[in-house]
C-alpha cells in the first residue's frame, strides 16, 4: 500500500494534479463532506478500502 500510494503521489505531483487535503475534523463533524461531494468519490473510497482490506487479509497467517 505504501508503494502504491507513493507511486500515485509522485504521478500526481509530476502531472500537477490537485490532490485532496486530508480532513482534520472527524466524519461526524463534517470532515470529509467536501471530499465526498465530488463525482465518483464514494466509489473511489469504496474501491480503495476494499482493495486495502483484501491485501491486509491476505497477509494474515494462514490466509492465501
C-alpha atoms as a PDB file:
ATOM      1  CA  UNK A   1       0.000   0.000   0.000  1.00  0.00           C
ATOM      2  CA  UNK A   2       2.870   2.337   0.757  1.00  0.00           C
ATOM      3  CA  UNK A   3       4.424   1.714  -2.675  1.00  0.00           C
ATOM      4  CA  UNK A   4       1.082   2.271  -4.419  1.00  0.00           C
ATOM      5  CA  UNK A   5       0.427   5.490  -2.501  1.00  0.00           C
ATOM      6  CA  UNK A   6       3.952   6.723  -3.194  1.00  0.00           C
ATOM      7  CA  UNK A   7       3.603   5.989  -6.926  1.00  0.00           C
ATOM      8  CA  UNK A   8       0.262   7.793  -7.062  1.00  0.00           C
ATOM      9  CA  UNK A   9       1.587  10.836  -5.192  1.00  0.00           C
ATOM     10  CA  UNK A  10       4.635  11.007  -7.480  1.00  0.00           C
ATOM     11  CA  UNK A  11       2.363  10.810 -10.544  1.00  0.00           C
ATOM     12  CA  UNK A  12       0.038  13.468  -9.114  1.00  0.00           C
ATOM     13  CA  UNK A  13       2.920  15.850  -8.414  1.00  0.00           C
ATOM     14  CA  UNK A  14       4.520  15.256 -11.823  1.00  0.00           C
ATOM     15  CA  UNK A  15       1.201  15.952 -13.549  1.00  0.00           C
ATOM     16  CA  UNK A  16       0.256  18.930 -11.366  1.00  0.00           C
ATOM     17  CA  UNK A  17      -2.901  17.141 -10.167  1.00  0.00           C
ATOM     18  CA  UNK A  18      -4.721  18.938  -7.380  1.00  0.00           C
ATOM     19  CA  UNK A  19      -4.865  16.388  -4.570  1.00  0.00           C
ATOM     20  CA  UNK A  20      -7.485  16.493  -1.827  1.00  0.00           C
ATOM     21  CA  UNK A  21      -6.426  17.603   1.630  1.00  0.00           C
ATOM     22  CA  UNK A  22      -6.771  15.104   4.463  1.00  0.00           C
ATOM     23  CA  UNK A  23      -9.561  16.465   6.675  1.00  0.00           C
ATOM     24  CA  UNK A  24      -8.647  17.287  10.255  1.00  0.00           C
ATOM     25  CA  UNK A  25     -12.234  17.039  11.521  1.00  0.00           C
ATOM     26  CA  UNK A  26     -13.979  13.775  12.324  1.00  0.00           C
ATOM     27  CA  UNK A  27     -16.541  12.479   9.823  1.00  0.00           C
ATOM     28  CA  UNK A  28     -19.431  13.239  12.201  1.00  0.00           C
ATOM     29  CA  UNK A  29     -18.145  16.823  12.366  1.00  0.00           C
ATOM     30  CA  UNK A  30     -18.161  17.196   8.572  1.00  0.00           C
ATOM     31  CA  UNK A  31     -14.503  16.369   7.993  1.00  0.00           C
ATOM     32  CA  UNK A  32     -14.995  14.531   4.696  1.00  0.00           C
ATOM     33  CA  UNK A  33     -18.118  16.326   3.445  1.00  0.00           C
ATOM     34  CA  UNK A  34     -16.379  18.391   0.755  1.00  0.00           C
ATOM     35  CA  UNK A  35     -14.265  15.446  -0.439  1.00  0.00           C
ATOM     36  CA  UNK A  36     -17.260  13.107  -0.709  1.00  0.00           C
ATOM     37  CA  UNK A  37     -19.274  15.623  -2.758  1.00  0.00           C
ATOM     38  CA  UNK A  38     -17.078  15.280  -5.840  1.00  0.00           C
ATOM     39  CA  UNK A  39     -18.321  12.918  -8.591  1.00  0.00           C
ATOM     40  CA  UNK A  40     -17.203   9.323  -8.160  1.00  0.00           C
ATOM     41  CA  UNK A  41     -15.616   9.964  -4.774  1.00  0.00           C
ATOM     42  CA  UNK A  42     -17.697   7.416  -2.860  1.00  0.00           C
ATOM     43  CA  UNK A  43     -16.903   4.738  -5.438  1.00  0.00           C
ATOM     44  CA  UNK A  44     -13.200   5.593  -5.237  1.00  0.00           C
ATOM     45  CA  UNK A  45     -13.244   5.388  -1.436  1.00  0.00           C
ATOM     46  CA  UNK A  46     -15.110   2.075  -1.546  1.00  0.00           C
ATOM     47  CA  UNK A  47     -12.625   0.652  -4.079  1.00  0.00           C
ATOM     48  CA  UNK A  48      -9.591   1.836  -2.097  1.00  0.00           C
ATOM     49  CA  UNK A  49     -10.820   0.364   1.201  1.00  0.00           C
ATOM     50  CA  UNK A  50     -11.949  -2.893  -0.425  1.00  0.00           C
ATOM     51  CA  UNK A  51      -8.564  -3.382  -2.068  1.00  0.00           C
ATOM     52  CA  UNK A  52      -6.638  -2.336   1.038  1.00  0.00           C
ATOM     53  CA  UNK A  53      -8.551  -4.686   3.342  1.00  0.00           C
ATOM     54  CA  UNK A  54      -8.237  -7.533   0.834  1.00  0.00           C
ATOM     55  CA  UNK A  55      -4.446  -7.102   0.889  1.00  0.00           C
ATOM     56  CA  UNK A  56      -4.391  -6.965   4.697  1.00  0.00           C
ATOM     57  CA  UNK A  57      -6.466 -10.152   4.926  1.00  0.00           C
ATOM     58  CA  UNK A  58      -4.020 -11.936   2.615  1.00  0.00           C
ATOM     59  CA  UNK A  59      -1.168 -11.008   4.961  1.00  0.00           C
ATOM     60  CA  UNK A  60      -2.797 -12.708   7.940  1.00  0.00           C
ATOM     61  CA  UNK A  61      -1.237 -16.039   8.919  1.00  0.00           C
ATOM     62  CA  UNK A  62      -2.978 -18.991   7.315  1.00  0.00           C
ATOM     63  CA  UNK A  63      -4.636 -16.905   4.558  1.00  0.00           C
ATOM     64  CA  UNK A  64      -3.888 -17.231   0.862  1.00  0.00           C
END
